Amino acid sequence: MQVVNMHEAKTHLSKLVEGAVQGEPFVIARAGKPLVKVVSLDAPETGAMSRTGFLPGISVPADFDQMGTPEIKALFEGHE
């Protein structure tokens, strides 16, 4: 794995990042001491992710915002 000093990393950042994207991670060091490792993210392409819900097969009732209204009202009014 390539180790580059801070000055070199700043000077050649675009090239180094492109290499990391292509699967060539690198380490940035200061005074010869490794500080960080730069690797490519395994993130989906923009727009590739589709969120259809948190749990498949679960549906929300049309009146979900009114569910439990009588019970909640009774609790607030002091009725049990």
Protein backbone atom coordinates (compact mmCIF):
# COMPACT_ATOMS: atom_id res chain seq x y z
CA MET A 1 0.00 0.00 0.00
CA GLN A 2 1.29 3.42 -0.93
CA VAL A 3 2.26 5.75 1.94
CA VAL A 4 2.43 9.47 1.13
CA ASN A 5 3.39 12.39 3.34
CA MET A 6 0.95 15.20 4.02
CA HIS A 7 2.53 17.65 1.55
CA GLU A 8 2.52 15.08 -1.26
CA ALA A 9 -1.10 14.14 -0.47
CA LYS A 10 -2.18 17.79 -0.72
CA THR A 11 -0.27 18.26 -3.96
CA HIS A 12 -1.58 15.09 -5.66
CA LEU A 13 -4.92 14.60 -3.91
CA SER A 14 -7.03 14.23 -7.07
CA LYS A 15 -4.72 11.57 -8.51
CA LEU A 16 -4.50 9.71 -5.19
CA VAL A 17 -8.28 9.72 -4.69
CA GLU A 18 -8.85 8.47 -8.23
CA GLY A 19 -6.45 5.62 -7.48
CA ALA A 20 -8.35 4.81 -4.29
CA VAL A 21 -11.61 4.71 -6.26
CA GLN A 22 -9.95 2.22 -8.62
CA GLY A 23 -9.04 -0.03 -5.67
CA GLU A 24 -5.63 1.35 -4.71
CA PRO A 25 -5.99 2.64 -1.13
CA PHE A 26 -3.24 4.81 0.35
CA VAL A 27 -2.03 6.02 3.73
CA ILE A 28 -1.31 9.65 4.61
CA ALA A 29 1.56 10.11 7.04
CA ARG A 30 3.06 13.04 8.93
CA ALA A 31 6.78 12.86 9.74
CA GLY A 32 6.72 9.21 8.71
CA LYS A 33 3.91 8.33 11.17
CA PRO A 34 0.79 6.90 9.44
CA LEU A 35 -2.30 8.95 10.26
CA VAL A 36 -5.16 7.90 8.01
CA LYS A 37 -6.00 5.28 5.40
CA VAL A 38 -7.99 6.39 2.36
CA VAL A 39 -10.15 3.73 0.71
CA SER A 40 -13.02 3.74 -1.75
CA LEU A 41 -16.56 3.61 -0.36
CA ASP A 42 -18.90 0.82 -1.39
CA ALA A 43 -21.78 3.23 -1.83
CA PRO A 44 -24.59 2.74 -4.36
CA GLU A 45 -24.74 5.04 -7.34
CA THR A 46 -26.86 8.15 -6.85
CA GLY A 47 -30.49 7.29 -7.50
CA ALA A 48 -29.81 3.56 -7.38
CA MET A 49 -31.24 3.17 -3.89
CA SER A 50 -34.99 2.89 -3.63
CA ARG A 51 -36.58 3.09 -0.19
CA THR A 52 -39.96 1.42 -0.21
CA GLY A 53 -40.29 0.97 3.52
CA PHE A 54 -38.35 -0.27 6.47
CA LEU A 55 -39.86 -3.75 6.57
CA PRO A 56 -41.15 -5.55 3.49
CA GLY A 57 -44.76 -6.67 3.70
CA ILE A 58 -45.70 -4.06 6.32
CA SER A 59 -48.44 -1.61 5.42
CA VAL A 60 -49.68 1.45 7.26
CA PRO A 61 -53.44 1.70 7.76
CA ALA A 62 -55.11 4.74 6.21
CA ASP A 63 -56.37 5.85 9.65
CA PHE A 64 -53.08 5.33 11.50
CA ASP A 65 -53.08 8.93 12.73
CA GLN A 66 -56.44 8.37 14.44
CA MET A 67 -55.69 4.97 15.97
CA GLY A 68 -56.19 4.86 19.71
CA THR A 69 -57.88 8.27 19.81
CA PRO A 70 -60.63 7.25 22.26
CA GLU A 71 -58.13 5.63 24.64
CA ILE A 72 -55.72 8.58 24.47
CA LYS A 73 -58.55 11.07 24.99
CA ALA A 74 -59.75 9.12 28.02
CA LEU A 75 -56.26 9.15 29.52
CA PHE A 76 -55.96 12.92 29.12
CA GLU A 77 -59.41 13.55 30.52
CA GLY A 78 -58.81 11.28 33.50
CA HIS A 79 -61.17 8.47 32.50
CA GLU A 80 -60.04 4.87 32.49
